[in-house]
């Protein structure tokens, strides 16, 4: 939808603990659903995605 927006965050890496198994895959499946016409039907331009890496974790 034209006026729908999404912020999707996948955090797999946390300081001081072993990486989690799954958040990035979950994020990819959720993105596929929100983009699908039968799901959220949100345009790519209206989606912002943050994914943690071993050297970057989104912080508030």
N, C-alpha and C. Protein backbone atom coordinates (compact mmCIF):
# COMPACT_ATOMS: atom_id res chain seq x y z
N UNK A 1 0.83 -1.18 0.00
CA UNK A 1 0.00 0.00 0.00
C UNK A 1 0.88 1.25 0.00
N UNK A 2 0.40 2.26 -0.63
CA UNK A 2 1.15 3.48 -0.83
C UNK A 2 1.54 4.18 0.47
N UNK A 3 0.66 4.17 1.47
CA UNK A 3 0.91 4.89 2.71
C UNK A 3 1.35 3.99 3.86
N UNK A 4 1.71 2.75 3.56
CA UNK A 4 2.19 1.83 4.58
C UNK A 4 3.71 1.80 4.57
N UNK A 5 4.30 1.72 5.76
CA UNK A 5 5.75 1.71 5.91
C UNK A 5 6.14 0.62 6.89
N UNK A 6 7.39 0.17 6.79
CA UNK A 6 7.89 -0.84 7.71
C UNK A 6 9.35 -0.58 8.04
N UNK A 7 9.69 -0.79 9.30
CA UNK A 7 11.08 -0.81 9.76
C UNK A 7 11.29 -2.23 10.28
N UNK A 8 12.26 -2.92 9.68
CA UNK A 8 12.50 -4.32 10.03
C UNK A 8 13.93 -4.44 10.54
N UNK A 9 14.08 -5.02 11.74
CA UNK A 9 15.39 -5.11 12.38
C UNK A 9 15.69 -6.57 12.70
N UNK A 10 16.86 -7.03 12.27
CA UNK A 10 17.31 -8.38 12.58
C UNK A 10 18.61 -8.32 13.33
N UNK A 11 18.58 -8.70 14.61
CA UNK A 11 19.79 -8.65 15.43
C UNK A 11 20.21 -10.08 15.75
N UNK A 12 21.32 -10.47 15.18
CA UNK A 12 21.87 -11.81 15.40
C UNK A 12 23.10 -11.75 16.29
N UNK A 13 23.75 -10.61 16.31
CA UNK A 13 24.99 -10.44 17.05
C UNK A 13 24.78 -9.48 18.21
N UNK A 14 25.10 -9.96 19.41
CA UNK A 14 25.04 -9.15 20.61
C UNK A 14 26.42 -9.16 21.25
N UNK A 15 26.83 -8.03 21.76
CA UNK A 15 28.14 -7.93 22.38
C UNK A 15 28.21 -8.88 23.58
N UNK A 16 29.27 -9.67 23.60
CA UNK A 16 29.52 -10.52 24.76
C UNK A 16 28.86 -11.89 24.77
N UNK A 17 28.07 -12.22 23.73
CA UNK A 17 27.47 -13.55 23.67
C UNK A 17 27.63 -14.13 22.27
N UNK A 18 27.45 -15.42 22.15
CA UNK A 18 27.55 -16.09 20.85
C UNK A 18 26.42 -15.61 19.94
N UNK A 19 26.68 -15.55 18.63
CA UNK A 19 25.62 -15.15 17.69
C UNK A 19 24.41 -16.08 17.78
N UNK A 20 23.25 -15.51 17.62
CA UNK A 20 22.02 -16.29 17.59
C UNK A 20 21.88 -16.93 16.22
N UNK A 21 21.21 -18.06 16.17
CA UNK A 21 20.96 -18.73 14.89
C UNK A 21 19.51 -18.50 14.50
N UNK A 22 19.29 -17.70 13.49
CA UNK A 22 17.93 -17.54 13.02
C UNK A 22 17.42 -16.15 12.72
N UNK A 23 17.83 -15.11 13.44
CA UNK A 23 17.22 -13.80 13.19
C UNK A 23 17.32 -13.30 11.75
N UNK A 24 18.44 -13.53 11.08
CA UNK A 24 18.56 -13.04 9.70
C UNK A 24 17.62 -13.80 8.78
N UNK A 25 17.49 -15.10 8.95
CA UNK A 25 16.54 -15.88 8.16
C UNK A 25 15.11 -15.45 8.43
N UNK A 26 14.80 -15.20 9.70
CA UNK A 26 13.46 -14.72 10.06
C UNK A 26 13.18 -13.38 9.38
N UNK A 27 14.18 -12.50 9.38
CA UNK A 27 14.02 -11.19 8.75
C UNK A 27 13.74 -11.35 7.26
N UNK A 28 14.47 -12.23 6.58
CA UNK A 28 14.26 -12.42 5.15
C UNK A 28 12.86 -12.96 4.85
N UNK A 29 12.39 -13.91 5.66
CA UNK A 29 11.03 -14.45 5.46
C UNK A 29 9.98 -13.38 5.73
N UNK A 30 10.19 -12.57 6.77
CA UNK A 30 9.23 -11.51 7.08
C UNK A 30 9.21 -10.47 5.97
N UNK A 31 10.39 -10.10 5.45
CA UNK A 31 10.44 -9.15 4.34
C UNK A 31 9.67 -9.68 3.12
N UNK A 32 9.86 -10.95 2.82
CA UNK A 32 9.13 -11.55 1.69
C UNK A 32 7.63 -11.43 1.90
N UNK A 33 7.18 -11.65 3.14
CA UNK A 33 5.75 -11.59 3.43
C UNK A 33 5.21 -10.15 3.33
N UNK A 34 5.94 -9.17 3.89
CA UNK A 34 5.40 -7.81 3.85
C UNK A 34 5.42 -7.22 2.45
N UNK A 35 6.26 -7.75 1.58
CA UNK A 35 6.29 -7.28 0.19
C UNK A 35 5.25 -7.97 -0.68
N UNK A 36 4.83 -9.15 -0.29
CA UNK A 36 3.89 -9.94 -1.08
C UNK A 36 2.50 -9.31 -1.10
N UNK A 37 1.83 -9.37 -2.24
CA UNK A 37 0.47 -8.82 -2.35
C UNK A 37 -0.49 -9.48 -1.37
N UNK A 38 -0.28 -10.76 -1.07
CA UNK A 38 -1.15 -11.48 -0.13
C UNK A 38 -0.75 -11.22 1.32
N UNK A 39 0.37 -10.55 1.53
CA UNK A 39 0.84 -10.23 2.88
C UNK A 39 0.60 -8.75 3.16
N UNK A 40 1.69 -8.04 3.40
CA UNK A 40 1.57 -6.61 3.71
C UNK A 40 1.44 -5.72 2.50
N UNK A 41 1.93 -6.21 1.34
CA UNK A 41 1.86 -5.45 0.09
C UNK A 41 2.52 -4.07 0.23
N UNK A 42 3.67 -4.04 0.90
CA UNK A 42 4.39 -2.79 1.11
C UNK A 42 5.47 -2.65 0.04
N UNK A 43 5.55 -1.45 -0.55
CA UNK A 43 6.53 -1.17 -1.59
C UNK A 43 7.95 -1.14 -1.01
N UNK A 44 8.93 -1.58 -1.81
CA UNK A 44 10.33 -1.57 -1.38
C UNK A 44 10.78 -0.21 -0.88
N UNK A 45 10.34 0.85 -1.54
CA UNK A 45 10.74 2.21 -1.14
C UNK A 45 10.23 2.58 0.25
N UNK A 46 9.24 1.86 0.76
CA UNK A 46 8.65 2.17 2.06
C UNK A 46 9.15 1.24 3.16
N UNK A 47 10.21 0.51 2.88
CA UNK A 47 10.75 -0.44 3.86
C UNK A 47 12.19 -0.06 4.17
N UNK A 48 12.50 0.04 5.45
CA UNK A 48 13.87 0.27 5.91
C UNK A 48 14.29 -0.94 6.72
N UNK A 49 15.44 -1.52 6.38
CA UNK A 49 15.91 -2.73 7.03
C UNK A 49 17.26 -2.49 7.70
N UNK A 50 17.40 -2.99 8.93
CA UNK A 50 18.65 -2.95 9.66
C UNK A 50 19.01 -4.39 10.03
N UNK A 51 20.21 -4.82 9.68
CA UNK A 51 20.67 -6.17 9.98
C UNK A 51 22.01 -6.07 10.67
N UNK A 52 22.12 -6.75 11.82
CA UNK A 52 23.40 -6.73 12.53
C UNK A 52 24.41 -7.62 11.81
N UNK A 53 25.68 -7.27 11.98
CA UNK A 53 26.79 -8.05 11.44
C UNK A 53 27.79 -8.23 12.59
N UNK A 54 28.83 -9.03 12.39
CA UNK A 54 29.81 -9.17 13.48
C UNK A 54 30.45 -7.85 13.90
N UNK A 55 30.47 -6.85 13.01
CA UNK A 55 31.09 -5.57 13.35
C UNK A 55 30.09 -4.43 13.51
N UNK A 56 28.79 -4.70 13.31
CA UNK A 56 27.78 -3.65 13.44
C UNK A 56 26.52 -4.21 14.07
N UNK A 57 26.09 -3.61 15.17
CA UNK A 57 24.82 -3.94 15.78
C UNK A 57 24.05 -2.64 15.92
N UNK A 58 22.83 -2.55 15.35
CA UNK A 58 22.03 -1.33 15.50
C UNK A 58 21.84 -1.01 16.97
N UNK A 59 22.08 0.21 17.35
CA UNK A 59 21.94 0.62 18.75
C UNK A 59 20.97 1.78 18.85
N UNK A 60 20.29 1.86 19.95
CA UNK A 60 19.33 2.93 20.17
C UNK A 60 19.92 4.06 20.95
